[in-house]
Amino acid sequence: LLPVAAVLLAVVVWLIIPKKKFLFPQGPSGEIQSIAVLPLRNLSGDPEQDYFADGMTEALITELSKIKALRVISRTSVMRYKNSDKSLPEIARDLNVDSVVEGSAQLEGERVRITAQLIEALTDRHLWADSYDRDLQNILMLQCDVAQAIVREIKITVTPEERARLSSVRLVNTKAHEAYLKGRFFINKFTEEAVQKGIEYFEQAIEE
């Protein structure tokens, strides 16, 4: 009888205790301390523009990773959820984060449009959402704007040095930047043919 009673007691405790606190651990005051930027959707309708959406995802991860107080999930881990049918709470539980960023990216000629929304994993509640439309030359400013908006919303501690890095932007050579993003896209496929193609795009970027 003792083993049966122990099992029943464990079930009762599991039902009574709020489980979300264990699934999505947060800081002592409930502040967001970890985040996953899910692969941005390509809204262009052209699969050949996947390189741009993936590049913007990686750039946003890089920007947020400048904040030491924030744990940011790596590109390798989040890209597994590209086109995933899992719910956001499921993904957050898999990655052990207490917040998720999802959105889309679209490149039309020399214009860039990005939408992003921040979701609290604990409650599945939308904390913030916005859209950004910039000239392609200002793509670095756009990335910084999105990262700064997220940092403001989650109220994470940011040092003056980190704030300066987030605000440091410049205009880009659009052809060089496009070639660089394509190079990253193919390099990350990790096949011999794709890596060679990625190197060719990197060489184009250097020439530009």
N, C-alpha and C. Protein backbone atom coordinates (compact mmCIF):
# COMPACT_ATOMS: atom_id res chain seq x y z
N LEU A 1 0.81 -1.21 0.00
CA LEU A 1 0.00 0.00 0.00
C LEU A 1 0.85 1.26 0.00
N LEU A 2 2.03 1.19 0.62
CA LEU A 2 2.86 2.39 0.70
C LEU A 2 3.26 2.94 -0.66
N PRO A 3 3.69 2.12 -1.61
CA PRO A 3 4.03 2.66 -2.93
C PRO A 3 2.84 3.33 -3.60
N VAL A 4 1.64 2.72 -3.45
CA VAL A 4 0.44 3.31 -4.06
C VAL A 4 0.14 4.66 -3.43
N ALA A 5 0.25 4.74 -2.11
CA ALA A 5 -0.01 6.01 -1.41
C ALA A 5 0.98 7.08 -1.84
N ALA A 6 2.24 6.68 -2.04
CA ALA A 6 3.26 7.64 -2.47
C ALA A 6 2.95 8.19 -3.85
N VAL A 7 2.50 7.32 -4.74
CA VAL A 7 2.15 7.75 -6.10
C VAL A 7 0.98 8.70 -6.06
N LEU A 8 -0.06 8.35 -5.26
CA LEU A 8 -1.23 9.23 -5.16
C LEU A 8 -0.85 10.59 -4.59
N LEU A 9 0.03 10.60 -3.59
CA LEU A 9 0.47 11.86 -3.00
C LEU A 9 1.21 12.71 -4.03
N ALA A 10 2.06 12.07 -4.83
CA ALA A 10 2.80 12.80 -5.86
C ALA A 10 1.86 13.42 -6.88
N VAL A 11 0.82 12.68 -7.26
CA VAL A 11 -0.16 13.19 -8.23
C VAL A 11 -0.89 14.39 -7.66
N VAL A 12 -1.30 14.28 -6.38
CA VAL A 12 -2.02 15.39 -5.74
C VAL A 12 -1.15 16.64 -5.69
N VAL A 13 0.12 16.47 -5.29
CA VAL A 13 1.04 17.62 -5.23
C VAL A 13 1.21 18.24 -6.60
N TRP A 14 1.35 17.40 -7.65
CA TRP A 14 1.52 17.89 -9.01
C TRP A 14 0.31 18.70 -9.47
N LEU A 15 -0.88 18.27 -9.06
CA LEU A 15 -2.10 18.97 -9.46
C LEU A 15 -2.27 20.28 -8.72
N ILE A 16 -1.81 20.33 -7.47
CA ILE A 16 -2.03 21.52 -6.64
C ILE A 16 -1.04 22.62 -6.94
N ILE A 17 0.25 22.27 -7.08
CA ILE A 17 1.28 23.29 -7.25
C ILE A 17 1.22 23.87 -8.66
N PRO A 18 1.24 25.22 -8.81
CA PRO A 18 1.26 25.84 -10.15
C PRO A 18 2.50 25.42 -10.91
N LYS A 19 2.28 24.72 -12.02
CA LYS A 19 3.41 24.14 -12.74
C LYS A 19 4.15 25.15 -13.59
N LYS A 20 3.50 26.21 -14.01
CA LYS A 20 4.15 27.17 -14.90
C LYS A 20 5.38 27.79 -14.27
N LYS A 21 5.41 27.87 -12.97
CA LYS A 21 6.57 28.46 -12.31
C LYS A 21 7.81 27.62 -12.56
N PHE A 22 7.61 26.32 -12.74
CA PHE A 22 8.75 25.45 -12.99
C PHE A 22 9.07 25.37 -14.47
N LEU A 23 8.05 25.50 -15.31
CA LEU A 23 8.26 25.39 -16.75
C LEU A 23 8.94 26.63 -17.30
N PHE A 24 8.65 27.78 -16.74
CA PHE A 24 9.20 29.03 -17.23
C PHE A 24 9.81 29.81 -16.07
N PRO A 25 10.98 29.43 -15.60
CA PRO A 25 11.60 30.12 -14.46
C PRO A 25 11.90 31.58 -14.79
N GLN A 26 11.54 32.47 -13.86
CA GLN A 26 11.81 33.89 -14.04
C GLN A 26 12.62 34.38 -12.86
N GLY A 27 12.99 35.65 -12.92
CA GLY A 27 13.76 36.26 -11.85
C GLY A 27 12.93 36.41 -10.60
N PRO A 28 13.56 36.87 -9.54
CA PRO A 28 12.89 36.98 -8.24
C PRO A 28 11.68 37.89 -8.27
N SER A 29 11.66 38.89 -9.11
CA SER A 29 10.52 39.80 -9.16
C SER A 29 9.67 39.58 -10.40
N GLY A 30 9.86 38.45 -11.09
CA GLY A 30 9.06 38.15 -12.26
C GLY A 30 9.55 38.80 -13.53
N GLU A 31 10.71 39.44 -13.49
CA GLU A 31 11.19 40.11 -14.69
C GLU A 31 11.69 39.08 -15.69
N ILE A 32 11.67 39.47 -16.95
CA ILE A 32 12.14 38.59 -18.01
C ILE A 32 13.66 38.58 -18.01
N GLN A 33 14.24 37.38 -17.99
CA GLN A 33 15.69 37.24 -17.97
C GLN A 33 16.21 36.38 -19.11
N SER A 34 15.32 35.75 -19.86
CA SER A 34 15.75 34.91 -20.97
C SER A 34 14.78 35.08 -22.13
N ILE A 35 15.32 34.96 -23.35
CA ILE A 35 14.50 35.25 -24.52
C ILE A 35 14.95 34.41 -25.72
N ALA A 36 14.00 34.05 -26.55
CA ALA A 36 14.30 33.33 -27.79
C ALA A 36 13.69 34.12 -28.95
N VAL A 37 14.51 34.44 -29.93
CA VAL A 37 14.02 35.10 -31.15
C VAL A 37 13.74 34.01 -32.17
N LEU A 38 12.48 33.76 -32.43
CA LEU A 38 12.12 32.71 -33.38
C LEU A 38 12.37 33.18 -34.81
N PRO A 39 12.60 32.24 -35.75
CA PRO A 39 12.88 32.63 -37.13
C PRO A 39 11.79 33.54 -37.70
N LEU A 40 12.19 34.70 -38.18
CA LEU A 40 11.23 35.63 -38.77
C LEU A 40 10.68 35.02 -40.05
N ARG A 41 9.39 35.23 -40.28
CA ARG A 41 8.75 34.69 -41.48
C ARG A 41 9.08 35.54 -42.69
N ASN A 42 9.27 34.90 -43.81
CA ASN A 42 9.50 35.57 -45.09
C ASN A 42 8.15 35.86 -45.73
N LEU A 43 7.76 37.14 -45.75
CA LEU A 43 6.45 37.52 -46.28
C LEU A 43 6.48 37.91 -47.75
N SER A 44 7.62 37.78 -48.39
CA SER A 44 7.73 38.22 -49.78
C SER A 44 7.01 37.29 -50.75
N GLY A 45 6.79 36.04 -50.33
CA GLY A 45 6.22 35.06 -51.24
C GLY A 45 7.26 34.43 -52.15
N ASP A 46 8.51 34.86 -52.02
CA ASP A 46 9.60 34.35 -52.84
C ASP A 46 10.57 33.57 -51.94
N PRO A 47 10.65 32.25 -52.10
CA PRO A 47 11.55 31.44 -51.26
C PRO A 47 13.01 31.88 -51.35
N GLU A 48 13.38 32.52 -52.46
CA GLU A 48 14.77 32.96 -52.60
C GLU A 48 15.11 34.10 -51.66
N GLN A 49 14.09 34.67 -51.02
CA GLN A 49 14.33 35.73 -50.04
C GLN A 49 14.42 35.20 -48.62
N ASP A 50 14.45 33.88 -48.47
CA ASP A 50 14.61 33.32 -47.13
C ASP A 50 15.91 33.80 -46.49
N TYR A 51 16.90 34.04 -47.32
CA TYR A 51 18.19 34.50 -46.78
C TYR A 51 18.02 35.79 -45.99
N PHE A 52 17.10 36.65 -46.44
CA PHE A 52 16.92 37.94 -45.77
C PHE A 52 16.24 37.76 -44.42
N ALA A 53 15.15 36.98 -44.38
CA ALA A 53 14.45 36.75 -43.12
C ALA A 53 15.37 36.06 -42.11
N ASP A 54 16.13 35.08 -42.57
CA ASP A 54 17.07 34.39 -41.67
C ASP A 54 18.17 35.34 -41.20
N GLY A 55 18.62 36.19 -42.10
CA GLY A 55 19.66 37.15 -41.74
C GLY A 55 19.19 38.15 -40.69
N MET A 56 17.94 38.60 -40.83
CA MET A 56 17.39 39.53 -39.85
C MET A 56 17.18 38.85 -38.50
N THR A 57 16.82 37.57 -38.53
CA THR A 57 16.69 36.82 -37.28
C THR A 57 18.02 36.76 -36.56
N GLU A 58 19.07 36.41 -37.29
CA GLU A 58 20.41 36.31 -36.70
C GLU A 58 20.89 37.67 -36.20
N ALA A 59 20.59 38.72 -36.94
CA ALA A 59 21.02 40.06 -36.54
C ALA A 59 20.35 40.49 -35.23
N LEU A 60 19.06 40.17 -35.10
CA LEU A 60 18.35 40.54 -33.88
C LEU A 60 18.87 39.75 -32.69
N ILE A 61 19.19 38.48 -32.90
CA ILE A 61 19.79 37.67 -31.83
C ILE A 61 21.12 38.29 -31.41
N THR A 62 21.91 38.71 -32.38
CA THR A 62 23.21 39.32 -32.10
C THR A 62 23.05 40.61 -31.30
N GLU A 63 22.09 41.45 -31.70
CA GLU A 63 21.88 42.71 -30.98
C GLU A 63 21.48 42.46 -29.53
N LEU A 64 20.55 41.54 -29.30
CA LEU A 64 20.09 41.28 -27.94
C LEU A 64 21.18 40.60 -27.10
N SER A 65 22.05 39.87 -27.76
CA SER A 65 23.13 39.18 -27.04
C SER A 65 24.16 40.16 -26.47
N LYS A 66 24.10 41.42 -26.87
CA LYS A 66 25.00 42.42 -26.32
C LYS A 66 24.67 42.76 -24.87
N ILE A 67 23.47 42.33 -24.41
CA ILE A 67 23.05 42.61 -23.04
C ILE A 67 23.41 41.41 -22.16
N LYS A 68 24.39 41.57 -21.29
CA LYS A 68 24.89 40.46 -20.48
C LYS A 68 23.84 39.93 -19.51
N ALA A 69 22.94 40.79 -19.04
CA ALA A 69 21.94 40.37 -18.06
C ALA A 69 20.82 39.55 -18.69
N LEU A 70 20.82 39.45 -20.00
CA LEU A 70 19.75 38.74 -20.72
C LEU A 70 20.31 37.47 -21.35
N ARG A 71 19.70 36.34 -21.06
CA ARG A 71 20.11 35.08 -21.69
C ARG A 71 19.37 34.94 -23.02
N VAL A 72 20.11 34.90 -24.11
CA VAL A 72 19.53 34.85 -25.44
C VAL A 72 19.87 33.50 -26.08
N ILE A 73 18.85 32.82 -26.57
CA ILE A 73 19.04 31.50 -27.18
C ILE A 73 19.75 31.66 -28.53
N SER A 74 20.64 30.74 -28.82
CA SER A 74 21.47 30.82 -30.03
C SER A 74 20.65 30.60 -31.30
N ARG A 75 21.22 31.07 -32.40
CA ARG A 75 20.60 30.89 -33.71
C ARG A 75 20.39 29.41 -34.01
N THR A 76 21.40 28.59 -33.73
CA THR A 76 21.32 27.17 -34.03
C THR A 76 20.11 26.52 -33.35
N SER A 77 19.86 26.91 -32.11
CA SER A 77 18.74 26.32 -31.37
C SER A 77 17.39 26.79 -31.89
N VAL A 78 17.26 28.08 -32.22
CA VAL A 78 15.94 28.59 -32.63
C VAL A 78 15.58 28.21 -34.06
N MET A 79 16.58 28.02 -34.93
CA MET A 79 16.27 27.73 -36.32
C MET A 79 15.59 26.38 -36.48
N ARG A 80 15.67 25.53 -35.47
CA ARG A 80 14.95 24.26 -35.52
C ARG A 80 13.45 24.46 -35.56
N TYR A 81 13.00 25.66 -35.16
CA TYR A 81 11.57 25.93 -35.09
C TYR A 81 11.07 26.74 -36.29
N LYS A 82 11.88 26.82 -37.32
CA LYS A 82 11.42 27.49 -38.55
C LYS A 82 10.30 26.67 -39.16
N ASN A 83 9.17 27.31 -39.41
CA ASN A 83 7.98 26.66 -39.97
C ASN A 83 7.43 25.57 -39.05
N SER A 84 7.72 25.67 -37.75
CA SER A 84 7.22 24.68 -36.81
C SER A 84 5.74 24.90 -36.52
N ASP A 85 5.02 23.80 -36.26
CA ASP A 85 3.61 23.91 -35.91
C ASP A 85 3.40 23.86 -34.40
N LYS A 86 4.50 23.91 -33.65
CA LYS A 86 4.39 23.95 -32.20
C LYS A 86 3.86 25.30 -31.73
N SER A 87 3.15 25.30 -30.62
CA SER A 87 2.67 26.56 -30.05
C SER A 87 3.82 27.29 -29.38
N LEU A 88 3.65 28.60 -29.18
CA LEU A 88 4.70 29.38 -28.53
C LEU A 88 5.02 28.90 -27.11
N PRO A 89 3.99 28.57 -26.29
CA PRO A 89 4.33 28.04 -24.96
C PRO A 89 5.13 26.75 -25.04
N GLU A 90 4.84 25.90 -26.01
CA GLU A 90 5.60 24.66 -26.16
C GLU A 90 7.06 24.95 -26.51
N ILE A 91 7.25 25.88 -27.45
CA ILE A 91 8.61 26.24 -27.86
C ILE A 91 9.37 26.86 -26.69
N ALA A 92 8.70 27.75 -25.96
CA ALA A 92 9.34 28.39 -24.80
C ALA A 92 9.73 27.34 -23.77
N ARG A 93 8.89 26.34 -23.59
CA ARG A 93 9.20 25.28 -22.63
C ARG A 93 10.40 24.46 -23.13
N ASP A 94 10.43 24.15 -24.42
CA ASP A 94 11.55 23.40 -24.99
C ASP A 94 12.88 24.14 -24.77
N LEU A 95 12.84 25.46 -24.97
CA LEU A 95 14.06 26.26 -24.90
C LEU A 95 14.35 26.80 -23.50
N ASN A 96 13.39 26.57 -22.59
CA ASN A 96 13.55 27.02 -21.20
C ASN A 96 13.77 28.53 -21.12
N VAL A 97 12.89 29.29 -21.78
CA VAL A 97 12.94 30.75 -21.74
C VAL A 97 11.62 31.28 -21.20
N ASP A 98 11.65 32.51 -20.71
CA ASP A 98 10.43 33.10 -20.20
C ASP A 98 9.84 34.16 -21.13
N SER A 99 10.42 34.31 -22.34
CA SER A 99 9.84 35.22 -23.33
C SER A 99 10.27 34.79 -24.73
N VAL A 100 9.43 35.16 -25.70
CA VAL A 100 9.67 34.79 -27.09
C VAL A 100 9.40 36.00 -27.98
N VAL A 101 10.24 36.17 -29.00
CA VAL A 101 10.00 37.19 -30.02
C VAL A 101 9.68 36.47 -31.33
N GLU A 102 8.59 36.86 -31.96
CA GLU A 102 8.26 36.33 -33.27
C GLU A 102 7.88 37.49 -34.18
N GLY A 103 7.93 37.26 -35.49
CA GLY A 103 7.60 38.34 -36.41
C GLY A 103 7.87 37.96 -37.85
N SER A 104 8.07 38.97 -38.68
CA SER A 104 8.27 38.73 -40.11
C SER A 104 9.23 39.76 -40.67
N ALA A 105 9.79 39.44 -41.83
CA ALA A 105 10.70 40.35 -42.52
C ALA A 105 10.37 40.32 -44.01
N GLN A 106 10.47 41.49 -44.62
CA GLN A 106 10.16 41.58 -46.05
C GLN A 106 11.06 42.63 -46.70
N LEU A 107 11.63 42.25 -47.82
CA LEU A 107 12.49 43.15 -48.59
C LEU A 107 11.82 43.44 -49.92
N GLU A 108 11.56 44.72 -50.18
CA GLU A 108 10.94 45.15 -51.43
C GLU A 108 11.81 46.23 -52.04
N GLY A 109 12.60 45.84 -53.02
CA GLY A 109 13.50 46.81 -53.63
C GLY A 109 14.51 47.30 -52.62
N GLU A 110 14.48 48.61 -52.34
CA GLU A 110 15.41 49.21 -51.38
C GLU A 110 14.73 49.51 -50.04
N ARG A 111 13.56 48.89 -49.83
CA ARG A 111 12.85 49.10 -48.57
C ARG A 111 12.76 47.81 -47.77
N VAL A 112 12.88 47.95 -46.46
CA VAL A 112 12.83 46.82 -45.55
C VAL A 112 11.68 47.03 -44.58
N ARG A 113 10.91 45.97 -44.37
CA ARG A 113 9.82 46.05 -43.40
C ARG A 113 9.93 44.86 -42.44
N ILE A 114 9.96 45.16 -41.16
CA ILE A 114 10.03 44.12 -40.14
C ILE A 114 8.92 44.34 -39.12
N THR A 115 8.23 43.28 -38.78
CA THR A 115 7.26 43.31 -37.68
C THR A 115 7.77 42.39 -36.59
N ALA A 116 7.52 42.75 -35.36
CA ALA A 116 7.98 41.93 -34.24
C ALA A 116 7.01 42.06 -33.08
N GLN A 117 6.87 41.00 -32.34
CA GLN A 117 6.06 41.03 -31.12
C GLN A 117 6.73 40.20 -30.03
N LEU A 118 6.62 40.71 -28.82
CA LEU A 118 7.22 40.08 -27.65
C LEU A 118 6.11 39.41 -26.85
N ILE A 119 6.32 38.14 -26.52
CA ILE A 119 5.29 37.36 -25.83
C ILE A 119 5.88 36.77 -24.55
N GLU A 120 5.16 36.93 -23.46
CA GLU A 120 5.56 36.37 -22.18
C GLU A 120 5.15 34.91 -22.12
N ALA A 121 6.12 34.03 -21.95
CA ALA A 121 5.85 32.59 -21.98
C ALA A 121 4.96 32.15 -20.83
N LEU A 122 5.15 32.75 -19.67
CA LEU A 122 4.40 32.35 -18.48
C LEU A 122 2.90 32.49 -18.67
N THR A 123 2.48 33.56 -19.34
CA THR A 123 1.05 33.85 -19.50
C THR A 123 0.57 33.76 -20.94
N ASP A 124 1.49 33.57 -21.90
CA ASP A 124 1.16 33.59 -23.33
C ASP A 124 0.53 34.95 -23.69
N ARG A 125 1.02 35.99 -23.03
CA ARG A 125 0.46 37.34 -23.20
C ARG A 125 1.37 38.19 -24.06
N HIS A 126 0.78 38.93 -25.00
CA HIS A 126 1.55 39.85 -25.83
C HIS A 126 1.94 41.07 -25.01
N LEU A 127 3.24 41.29 -24.89
CA LEU A 127 3.74 42.42 -24.12
C LEU A 127 3.99 43.65 -24.99
N TRP A 128 4.33 43.42 -26.24
CA TRP A 128 4.69 44.53 -27.13
C TRP A 128 4.65 44.06 -28.57
N ALA A 129 4.29 44.96 -29.47
CA ALA A 129 4.32 44.65 -30.91
C ALA A 129 4.50 45.96 -31.67
N ASP A 130 5.24 45.88 -32.78
CA ASP A 130 5.44 47.08 -33.59
C ASP A 130 5.94 46.65 -34.97
N SER A 131 5.89 47.59 -35.90
CA SER A 131 6.41 47.34 -37.24
C SER A 131 7.37 48.47 -37.60
N TYR A 132 8.34 48.15 -38.43
CA TYR A 132 9.40 49.10 -38.80
C TYR A 132 9.58 49.07 -40.31
N ASP A 133 9.65 50.25 -40.89
CA ASP A 133 9.83 50.38 -42.33
C ASP A 133 11.01 51.33 -42.56
N ARG A 134 12.07 50.82 -43.17
CA ARG A 134 13.27 51.63 -43.36
C ARG A 134 13.83 51.43 -44.76
N ASP A 135 14.64 52.41 -45.17
CA ASP A 135 15.44 52.24 -46.36
C ASP A 135 16.52 51.20 -46.07
N LEU A 136 16.90 50.41 -47.08
CA LEU A 136 17.86 49.32 -46.87
C LEU A 136 19.19 49.83 -46.33
N GLN A 137 19.57 51.05 -46.68
CA GLN A 137 20.82 51.61 -46.16
C GLN A 137 20.80 51.75 -44.64
N ASN A 138 19.60 51.86 -44.08
CA ASN A 138 19.44 52.05 -42.64
C ASN A 138 19.09 50.75 -41.92
N ILE A 139 19.46 49.62 -42.50
CA ILE A 139 19.09 48.33 -41.93
C ILE A 139 19.68 48.14 -40.53
N LEU A 140 20.89 48.64 -40.30
CA LEU A 140 21.50 48.49 -38.97
C LEU A 140 20.74 49.30 -37.92
N MET A 141 20.26 50.48 -38.33
CA MET A 141 19.46 51.29 -37.41
C MET A 141 18.15 50.58 -37.08
N LEU A 142 17.55 49.93 -38.07
CA LEU A 142 16.32 49.19 -37.85
C LEU A 142 16.54 48.08 -36.83
N GLN A 143 17.62 47.33 -37.00
CA GLN A 143 17.92 46.24 -36.08
C GLN A 143 18.09 46.76 -34.66
N CYS A 144 18.79 47.88 -34.52
CA CYS A 144 19.00 48.48 -33.20
C CYS A 144 17.69 48.96 -32.60
N ASP A 145 16.83 49.56 -33.43
CA ASP A 145 15.54 50.06 -32.95
C ASP A 145 14.69 48.93 -32.38
N VAL A 146 14.65 47.81 -33.08
CA VAL A 146 13.86 46.67 -32.61
C VAL A 146 14.44 46.14 -31.30
N ALA A 147 15.74 45.96 -31.24
CA ALA A 147 16.38 45.43 -30.03
C ALA A 147 16.17 46.37 -28.84
N GLN A 148 16.30 47.67 -29.07
CA GLN A 148 16.12 48.64 -27.98
C GLN A 148 14.68 48.63 -27.47
N ALA A 149 13.73 48.49 -28.38
CA ALA A 149 12.32 48.44 -27.97
C ALA A 149 12.05 47.23 -27.08
N ILE A 150 12.62 46.09 -27.44
CA ILE A 150 12.45 44.87 -26.65
C ILE A 150 13.09 45.04 -25.27
N VAL A 151 14.30 45.58 -25.25
CA VAL A 151 15.01 45.78 -23.98
C VAL A 151 14.22 46.72 -23.07
N ARG A 152 13.66 47.78 -23.64
CA ARG A 152 12.85 48.72 -22.83
C ARG A 152 11.63 48.00 -22.25
N GLU A 153 11.01 47.15 -23.04
CA GLU A 153 9.78 46.49 -22.61
C GLU A 153 10.04 45.49 -21.49
N ILE A 154 11.12 44.74 -21.58
CA ILE A 154 11.38 43.72 -20.56
C ILE A 154 12.07 44.31 -19.33
N LYS A 155 12.47 45.58 -19.45
CA LYS A 155 13.03 46.31 -18.31
C LYS A 155 14.27 45.61 -17.72
N ILE A 156 15.10 45.09 -18.58
CA ILE A 156 16.33 44.45 -18.15
C ILE A 156 17.38 45.52 -17.85
N THR A 157 18.30 45.22 -16.96
CA THR A 157 19.35 46.16 -16.61
C THR A 157 20.36 46.27 -17.76
N VAL A 158 20.58 47.48 -18.23
CA VAL A 158 21.50 47.73 -19.34
C VAL A 158 22.57 48.72 -18.87
N THR A 159 23.82 48.35 -19.06
CA THR A 159 24.91 49.23 -18.66
C THR A 159 25.07 50.34 -19.71
N PRO A 160 25.71 51.46 -19.33
CA PRO A 160 25.96 52.53 -20.31
C PRO A 160 26.73 52.03 -21.52
N GLU A 161 27.68 51.13 -21.32
CA GLU A 161 28.46 50.60 -22.44
C GLU A 161 27.58 49.78 -23.38
N GLU A 162 26.70 48.96 -22.80
CA GLU A 162 25.79 48.15 -23.62
C GLU A 162 24.81 49.04 -24.38
N ARG A 163 24.34 50.07 -23.71
CA ARG A 163 23.41 51.00 -24.38
C ARG A 163 24.10 51.70 -25.55
N ALA A 164 25.37 52.03 -25.37
CA ALA A 164 26.13 52.68 -26.43
C ALA A 164 26.30 51.74 -27.63
N ARG A 165 26.56 50.46 -27.34
CA ARG A 165 26.74 49.49 -28.43
C ARG A 165 25.43 49.30 -29.20
N LEU A 166 24.32 49.32 -28.47
CA LEU A 166 23.02 49.17 -29.13
C LEU A 166 22.68 50.38 -30.00
N SER A 167 23.25 51.52 -29.66
CA SER A 167 22.93 52.76 -30.38
C SER A 167 23.92 53.07 -31.49
N SER A 168 24.99 52.28 -31.59
CA SER A 168 26.02 52.54 -32.58
C SER A 168 25.62 51.98 -33.94
N VAL A 169 25.26 52.87 -34.86
CA VAL A 169 24.80 52.44 -36.18
C VAL A 169 25.48 53.26 -37.27
N ARG A 170 25.43 52.73 -38.48
CA ARG A 170 25.98 53.44 -39.64
C ARG A 170 25.22 52.98 -40.88
N LEU A 171 25.36 53.75 -41.94
CA LEU A 171 24.77 53.34 -43.21
C LEU A 171 25.56 52.17 -43.79
N VAL A 172 24.90 51.35 -44.58
CA VAL A 172 25.58 50.20 -45.17
C VAL A 172 25.59 50.32 -46.69
N ASN A 173 26.56 49.65 -47.28
CA ASN A 173 26.57 49.44 -48.73
C ASN A 173 25.57 48.33 -49.00
N THR A 174 24.47 48.64 -49.65
CA THR A 174 23.37 47.68 -49.77
C THR A 174 23.77 46.42 -50.55
N LYS A 175 24.59 46.58 -51.59
CA LYS A 175 25.01 45.41 -52.37
C LYS A 175 25.92 44.52 -51.55
N ALA A 176 26.83 45.13 -50.79
CA ALA A 176 27.73 44.35 -49.95
C ALA A 176 26.95 43.64 -48.85
N HIS A 177 25.99 44.34 -48.28
CA HIS A 177 25.19 43.76 -47.19
C HIS A 177 24.35 42.59 -47.70
N GLU A 178 23.75 42.74 -48.87
CA GLU A 178 22.95 41.67 -49.44
C GLU A 178 23.81 40.43 -49.72
N ALA A 179 24.99 40.64 -50.29
CA ALA A 179 25.90 39.53 -50.57
C ALA A 179 26.34 38.85 -49.28
N TYR A 180 26.58 39.65 -48.24
CA TYR A 180 26.98 39.09 -46.95
C TYR A 180 25.87 38.21 -46.37
N LEU A 181 24.62 38.70 -46.40
CA LEU A 181 23.51 37.91 -45.87
C LEU A 181 23.34 36.60 -46.64
N LYS A 182 23.49 36.67 -47.95
CA LYS A 182 23.39 35.45 -48.75
C LYS A 182 24.52 34.49 -48.41
N GLY A 183 25.71 35.04 -48.18
CA GLY A 183 26.83 34.20 -47.78
C GLY A 183 26.56 33.48 -46.48
N ARG A 184 26.03 34.21 -45.48
CA ARG A 184 25.69 33.60 -44.20
C ARG A 184 24.63 32.51 -44.38
N PHE A 185 23.66 32.80 -45.22
CA PHE A 185 22.56 31.87 -45.45
C PHE A 185 23.08 30.53 -45.97
N PHE A 186 23.97 30.58 -46.95
CA PHE A 186 24.46 29.33 -47.54
C PHE A 186 25.49 28.64 -46.65
N ILE A 187 26.33 29.42 -45.97
CA ILE A 187 27.31 28.82 -45.06
C ILE A 187 26.60 28.00 -43.98
N ASN A 188 25.46 28.51 -43.51
CA ASN A 188 24.74 27.83 -42.43
C ASN A 188 24.03 26.56 -42.87
N LYS A 189 24.05 26.25 -44.15
CA LYS A 189 23.48 24.99 -44.62
C LYS A 189 24.42 23.82 -44.37
N PHE A 190 25.71 24.12 -44.19
CA PHE A 190 26.71 23.11 -43.79
C PHE A 190 26.84 21.95 -44.79
N THR A 191 26.69 22.24 -46.07
CA THR A 191 27.02 21.25 -47.10
C THR A 191 28.17 21.81 -47.92
N GLU A 192 28.94 20.94 -48.55
CA GLU A 192 30.11 21.39 -49.29
C GLU A 192 29.73 22.38 -50.39
N GLU A 193 28.68 22.04 -51.13
CA GLU A 193 28.24 22.92 -52.23
C GLU A 193 27.76 24.26 -51.71
N ALA A 194 26.96 24.23 -50.63
CA ALA A 194 26.42 25.47 -50.08
C ALA A 194 27.52 26.34 -49.49
N VAL A 195 28.49 25.72 -48.80
CA VAL A 195 29.59 26.48 -48.22
C VAL A 195 30.39 27.18 -49.32
N GLN A 196 30.64 26.48 -50.41
CA GLN A 196 31.38 27.10 -51.52
C GLN A 196 30.61 28.29 -52.09
N LYS A 197 29.28 28.13 -52.20
CA LYS A 197 28.45 29.23 -52.70
C LYS A 197 28.49 30.40 -51.72
N GLY A 198 28.48 30.08 -50.42
CA GLY A 198 28.55 31.12 -49.41
C GLY A 198 29.85 31.89 -49.50
N ILE A 199 30.96 31.19 -49.72
CA ILE A 199 32.26 31.84 -49.87
C ILE A 199 32.26 32.79 -51.06
N GLU A 200 31.62 32.38 -52.16
CA GLU A 200 31.53 33.24 -53.34
C GLU A 200 30.77 34.52 -53.04
N TYR A 201 29.71 34.40 -52.25
CA TYR A 201 28.96 35.61 -51.87
C TYR A 201 29.78 36.50 -50.95
N PHE A 202 30.56 35.91 -50.04
CA PHE A 202 31.42 36.70 -49.18
C PHE A 202 32.46 37.46 -50.00
N GLU A 203 32.99 36.82 -51.01
CA GLU A 203 33.95 37.48 -51.89
C GLU A 203 33.30 38.65 -52.63
N GLN A 204 32.04 38.46 -53.04
CA GLN A 204 31.30 39.57 -53.67
C GLN A 204 31.15 40.74 -52.69
N ALA A 205 30.83 40.39 -51.44
CA ALA A 205 30.66 41.45 -50.44
C ALA A 205 31.95 42.23 -50.24
N ILE A 206 33.09 41.52 -50.20
CA ILE A 206 34.39 42.18 -50.04
C ILE A 206 34.68 43.09 -51.22
N GLU A 207 34.37 42.62 -52.42
CA GLU A 207 34.60 43.45 -53.63
C GLU A 207 33.77 44.73 -53.57
N GLU A 208 32.53 44.61 -53.10
CA GLU A 208 31.67 45.79 -53.00
C GLU A 208 32.17 46.77 -51.93
